Amino acid sequence: MATSRANHTSIASNCEFAGHIDELCDARGIKIEIAYRSEREDWIMAMVAAGMGVCFVPEFSALTHGVRHRPVADPAIVRQVSLVSVHGRPLSPSVAAFAKAVRSYDWNPTIDQHV
């Protein structure tokens, strides 16, 4: 992430990483001004598409026409997401199909495949 003293307008959600992202930006001299807040990701993406600011979202969030996704490379912001089930309990056919799809999906494609 490049060091900048400029202010950047951000649109915030109820992201559990908000405090961590704020600390990373502060450490690099980047001032993020939260101009809008919403718990609805579709509204946040619509505001970004309208040019009202930028936001931090997970890589595999729903794509919105007109919004370009770019990875945050330095510092990397990552999280682990797990698929869990009760040990010994058989999965329903629909849950088994979902688990199979999740396990077989390539979760590490380049970001440009989603733009």
Protein backbone atom coordinates (compact mmCIF):
# COMPACT_ATOMS: atom_id res chain seq x y z
CA MET A 1 0.00 0.00 0.00
CA ALA A 2 1.51 3.33 -0.98
CA THR A 3 2.04 5.95 1.67
CA SER A 4 -0.19 8.97 1.19
CA ARG A 5 -1.16 11.99 3.27
CA ALA A 6 -4.30 12.56 1.21
CA ASN A 7 -7.76 11.87 2.55
CA HIS A 8 -9.74 9.07 0.93
CA THR A 9 -13.52 8.80 1.09
CA SER A 10 -14.66 5.39 2.23
CA ILE A 11 -17.97 3.62 2.46
CA ALA A 12 -18.07 1.34 5.48
CA SER A 13 -19.94 -1.85 6.30
CA ASN A 14 -20.10 -3.88 9.48
CA CYS A 15 -16.80 -5.53 8.54
CA GLU A 16 -15.00 -7.27 11.39
CA PHE A 17 -11.71 -6.05 9.89
CA ALA A 18 -12.57 -2.33 10.08
CA GLY A 19 -10.39 -1.64 13.13
CA HIS A 20 -7.49 -3.60 11.66
CA ILE A 21 -7.76 -1.77 8.31
CA ASP A 22 -7.87 1.58 10.13
CA GLU A 23 -4.67 0.71 12.03
CA LEU A 24 -2.90 -0.35 8.82
CA CYS A 25 -3.88 2.87 7.06
CA ASP A 26 -2.92 5.04 10.07
CA ALA A 27 0.51 3.37 10.23
CA ARG A 28 1.07 4.37 6.60
CA GLY A 29 -0.17 7.95 6.96
CA ILE A 30 -3.38 7.30 5.05
CA LYS A 31 -6.46 9.07 6.39
CA ILE A 32 -9.70 7.24 5.62
CA GLU A 33 -12.81 9.37 6.06
CA ILE A 34 -15.94 7.26 6.51
CA ALA A 35 -18.53 9.20 4.54
CA TYR A 36 -21.31 6.60 4.42
CA ARG A 37 -22.21 3.43 6.31
CA SER A 38 -24.49 0.55 5.50
CA GLU A 39 -24.86 -3.04 6.61
CA ARG A 40 -26.09 -3.94 3.12
CA GLU A 41 -23.24 -4.83 0.82
CA ASP A 42 -25.37 -4.27 -2.29
CA TRP A 43 -26.00 -0.66 -1.22
CA ILE A 44 -22.30 -0.15 -0.51
CA MET A 45 -21.37 -1.49 -3.95
CA ALA A 46 -24.02 0.75 -5.58
CA MET A 47 -22.51 3.79 -3.84
CA VAL A 48 -19.02 2.81 -5.02
CA ALA A 49 -20.34 2.32 -8.58
CA ALA A 50 -21.87 5.82 -8.36
CA GLY A 51 -18.44 7.27 -7.53
CA MET A 52 -19.21 8.12 -3.91
CA GLY A 53 -16.09 6.49 -2.49
CA VAL A 54 -14.16 3.26 -2.11
CA CYS A 55 -14.64 0.27 0.17
CA PHE A 56 -12.82 -2.79 1.43
CA VAL A 57 -14.72 -6.01 0.70
CA PRO A 58 -13.83 -9.69 0.56
CA GLU A 59 -12.43 -10.78 -2.80
CA PHE A 60 -15.37 -13.06 -3.53
CA SER A 61 -18.10 -10.55 -2.74
CA ALA A 62 -20.86 -10.18 -5.27
CA LEU A 63 -19.66 -8.24 -8.27
CA THR A 64 -21.38 -5.02 -9.27
CA HIS A 65 -21.28 -3.67 -12.81
CA GLY A 66 -18.93 -0.71 -12.98
CA VAL A 67 -16.95 -1.60 -9.85
CA ARG A 68 -13.36 -2.78 -10.23
CA HIS A 69 -11.87 -5.02 -7.58
CA ARG A 70 -8.18 -4.71 -6.70
CA PRO A 71 -6.32 -6.77 -4.11
CA VAL A 72 -4.68 -5.12 -1.13
CA ALA A 73 -1.19 -6.54 -1.54
CA ASP A 74 0.89 -4.68 1.04
CA PRO A 75 0.01 -5.37 3.71
CA ALA A 76 -1.98 -8.45 2.88
CA ILE A 77 -5.40 -8.57 4.50
CA VAL A 78 -6.55 -12.17 4.73
CA ARG A 79 -8.95 -14.25 6.72
CA GLN A 80 -9.74 -17.91 7.05
CA VAL A 81 -13.25 -19.15 6.37
CA SER A 82 -14.17 -22.71 7.33
CA LEU A 83 -16.87 -25.13 6.33
CA VAL A 84 -17.89 -27.09 9.42
CA SER A 85 -20.39 -29.81 10.20
CA VAL A 86 -21.32 -32.04 13.11
CA HIS A 87 -18.98 -35.05 13.29
CA GLY A 88 -20.77 -38.28 12.47
CA ARG A 89 -23.94 -36.66 11.23
CA PRO A 90 -24.68 -37.50 7.60
CA LEU A 91 -25.07 -34.52 5.29
CA SER A 92 -28.30 -33.98 3.38
CA PRO A 93 -27.91 -34.27 -0.39
CA SER A 94 -28.04 -30.48 -0.84
CA VAL A 95 -25.47 -29.82 1.90
CA ALA A 96 -23.22 -32.59 0.53
CA ALA A 97 -23.40 -31.00 -2.94
CA PHE A 98 -22.58 -27.59 -1.47
CA ALA A 99 -19.62 -29.00 0.51
CA LYS A 100 -18.33 -30.75 -2.61
CA ALA A 101 -18.57 -27.50 -4.62
CA VAL A 102 -16.76 -25.53 -1.89
CA ARG A 103 -13.96 -28.11 -1.66
CA SER A 104 -13.46 -28.27 -5.43
CA TYR A 105 -13.53 -24.50 -6.10
CA ASP A 106 -10.21 -22.77 -6.83
CA TRP A 107 -10.21 -20.06 -4.15
CA ASN A 108 -6.89 -18.59 -5.35
CA PRO A 109 -7.51 -17.22 -8.86
CA THR A 110 -6.08 -13.87 -9.89
CA ILE A 111 -8.28 -10.91 -9.10
CA ASP A 112 -8.54 -9.88 -12.77
CA GLN A 113 -10.67 -12.96 -13.46
CA HIS A 114 -13.43 -11.29 -11.42
CA VAL A 115 -13.31 -7.84 -13.01
